[in-house]
Amino acid sequence: MVAFARDLVERHDATDRLSRVTVAFTFVAHLVDAGPGAPIAATLGPLQPLLAFREGPAVLLCALLKGLGERARLERTREMAFVRVALELDDVARLPPHARLLGDAPAACLEIPLDPRQARTPVGFLPRTVRDVLRRRAAHR
């Protein structure tokens, strides 16, 4: 998985951290739209069946990001699974205007959500229902 992730990033000339995260996110989201039977999905080898499961795209994205050395973790709610990726302060200024940091992350950690369930989902966006769930969880900690 590490070699695959590095090859993916090199092919797209993703030289900085945020572009590497975006390349991995876009790749997985487009794989989901193409479906597990698409020729591009065959590049995943034994991980290809993950695309057929509800949480599979998030698991695959998390594995790719970890293979690239990112601080990523899987988060689950009843509604969906997504990936939380830690960012540096310099990365935040380069995020698209619609991206929202996760408000329930510890104060010392800046995190952005990635929802790879479809290619049209933008970086840093979660449905309001999921954000509300995360807010309630944080309030109970």
Protein backbone atom coordinates (compact mmCIF):
# COMPACT_ATOMS: atom_id res chain seq x y z
CA MET A 1 0.00 0.00 0.00
CA VAL A 2 2.87 2.38 0.78
CA ALA A 3 4.44 1.88 -2.66
CA PHE A 4 1.07 2.32 -4.36
CA ALA A 5 0.38 5.55 -2.46
CA ARG A 6 3.79 7.00 -3.27
CA ASP A 7 3.44 6.07 -6.95
CA LEU A 8 0.02 7.75 -7.08
CA VAL A 9 1.42 10.97 -5.63
CA GLU A 10 4.45 10.96 -7.92
CA ARG A 11 2.31 10.48 -11.02
CA HIS A 12 0.31 13.60 -10.08
CA ASP A 13 3.37 15.65 -9.10
CA ALA A 14 1.94 16.32 -5.65
CA THR A 15 4.95 17.91 -4.02
CA ASP A 16 3.45 19.39 -0.87
CA ARG A 17 1.46 17.92 1.95
CA LEU A 18 -1.99 19.31 1.15
CA SER A 19 -1.73 18.30 -2.51
CA ARG A 20 -0.78 14.74 -1.48
CA VAL A 21 -3.86 14.54 0.74
CA THR A 22 -6.03 15.91 -2.06
CA VAL A 23 -4.65 13.46 -4.65
CA ALA A 24 -5.35 10.47 -2.39
CA PHE A 25 -8.85 11.78 -1.55
CA THR A 26 -9.71 12.44 -5.21
CA PHE A 27 -8.39 9.06 -6.32
CA VAL A 28 -10.52 7.12 -3.81
CA ALA A 29 -13.63 9.23 -4.44
CA HIS A 30 -13.37 8.65 -8.20
CA LEU A 31 -12.80 4.94 -7.63
CA VAL A 32 -16.07 4.81 -5.70
CA ASP A 33 -17.92 6.50 -8.55
CA ALA A 34 -16.33 4.10 -11.08
CA GLY A 35 -17.34 1.07 -9.00
CA PRO A 36 -15.49 -2.03 -7.81
CA GLY A 37 -15.64 -3.63 -11.27
CA ALA A 38 -13.99 -0.72 -13.11
CA PRO A 39 -10.57 -1.38 -14.67
CA ILE A 40 -8.93 1.32 -12.50
CA ALA A 41 -10.16 -0.48 -9.38
CA ALA A 42 -8.08 -3.49 -10.39
CA THR A 43 -4.97 -1.46 -9.48
CA LEU A 44 -5.93 -1.96 -5.83
CA GLY A 45 -5.29 -5.69 -6.00
CA PRO A 46 -6.60 -7.46 -2.87
CA LEU A 47 -7.99 -4.19 -1.50
CA GLN A 48 -10.47 -3.87 -4.39
CA PRO A 49 -13.36 -5.53 -2.48
CA LEU A 50 -13.25 -2.69 0.07
CA LEU A 51 -15.04 -0.46 -2.42
CA ALA A 52 -18.20 -2.55 -2.11
CA PHE A 53 -18.56 -1.97 1.64
CA ARG A 54 -20.20 1.05 3.28
CA GLU A 55 -17.05 2.01 5.20
CA GLY A 56 -14.65 0.69 2.57
CA PRO A 57 -13.81 3.99 0.83
CA ALA A 58 -12.92 5.64 4.14
CA VAL A 59 -10.81 2.63 5.18
CA LEU A 60 -9.00 2.69 1.83
CA LEU A 61 -8.39 6.45 2.00
CA CYS A 62 -7.10 6.20 5.55
CA ALA A 63 -4.69 3.44 4.52
CA LEU A 64 -3.43 5.48 1.55
CA LEU A 65 -2.88 8.54 3.71
CA LYS A 66 -1.08 6.57 6.39
CA GLY A 67 1.07 5.05 3.64
CA LEU A 68 2.05 8.60 2.73
CA GLY A 69 3.00 9.33 6.32
CA GLU A 70 -0.04 11.44 7.15
CA ARG A 71 -1.68 11.55 10.57
CA ALA A 72 -5.03 10.15 9.52
CA ARG A 73 -7.65 8.19 11.40
CA LEU A 74 -10.99 6.65 10.65
CA GLU A 75 -14.06 8.16 12.31
CA ARG A 76 -17.46 6.49 12.38
CA THR A 77 -20.91 7.80 13.10
CA ARG A 78 -24.19 6.03 12.59
CA GLU A 79 -24.61 8.01 9.37
CA MET A 80 -21.22 7.40 7.77
CA ALA A 81 -17.50 6.74 8.05
CA PHE A 82 -14.96 9.40 7.10
CA VAL A 83 -11.28 10.18 7.58
CA ARG A 84 -9.84 12.81 9.89
CA VAL A 85 -6.50 14.22 8.73
CA ALA A 86 -4.27 16.36 10.92
CA LEU A 87 -3.07 19.58 9.32
CA GLU A 88 -0.37 22.09 10.05
CA LEU A 89 -1.24 25.76 10.49
CA ASP A 90 0.32 26.58 7.10
CA ASP A 91 -2.01 24.08 5.41
CA VAL A 92 -5.16 25.76 6.74
CA ALA A 93 -4.58 28.95 4.74
CA ARG A 94 -4.51 26.89 1.54
CA LEU A 95 -7.80 25.07 2.10
CA PRO A 96 -10.72 25.82 -0.21
CA PRO A 97 -13.24 28.34 1.21
CA HIS A 98 -15.92 25.69 1.83
CA ALA A 99 -13.61 23.46 3.93
CA ARG A 100 -14.32 23.38 7.64
CA LEU A 101 -11.97 22.18 10.33
CA LEU A 102 -13.37 19.72 12.79
CA GLY A 103 -14.42 21.61 15.90
CA ASP A 104 -14.17 18.60 18.19
CA ALA A 105 -10.43 18.09 17.66
CA PRO A 106 -8.16 18.86 20.61
CA ALA A 107 -7.03 22.49 20.70
CA ALA A 108 -3.47 21.55 19.74
CA CYS A 109 -4.63 19.61 16.68
CA LEU A 110 -6.13 20.99 13.48
CA GLU A 111 -8.09 18.35 11.58
CA ILE A 112 -10.08 18.30 8.36
CA PRO A 113 -12.68 15.69 7.40
CA LEU A 114 -12.54 13.74 4.15
CA ASP A 115 -15.66 11.94 2.94
CA PRO A 116 -14.66 9.78 -0.07
CA ARG A 117 -18.09 8.25 -0.72
CA GLN A 118 -18.48 10.05 -4.05
CA ALA A 119 -16.33 12.18 -6.36
CA ARG A 120 -18.52 15.26 -6.01
CA THR A 121 -17.90 15.63 -2.27
CA PRO A 122 -15.51 18.53 -1.68
CA VAL A 123 -12.47 18.41 0.60
CA GLY A 124 -13.35 19.40 4.15
CA PHE A 125 -17.11 18.97 3.88
CA LEU A 126 -19.39 16.86 6.07
CA PRO A 127 -23.20 16.83 6.08
CA ARG A 128 -24.75 18.95 8.84
CA THR A 129 -26.22 15.88 10.57
CA VAL A 130 -22.75 14.37 10.98
CA ARG A 131 -21.28 17.67 12.22
CA ASP A 132 -24.10 17.86 14.79
CA VAL A 133 -23.28 14.33 15.99
CA LEU A 134 -19.61 15.23 16.36
CA ARG A 135 -20.50 18.39 18.28
CA ARG A 136 -22.68 16.39 20.70
CA ARG A 137 -19.91 13.84 21.20
CA ALA A 138 -17.41 16.58 22.00
CA ALA A 139 -19.81 18.13 24.52
CA HIS A 140 -19.98 14.83 26.43
CA ARG A 141 -16.22 14.43 26.77
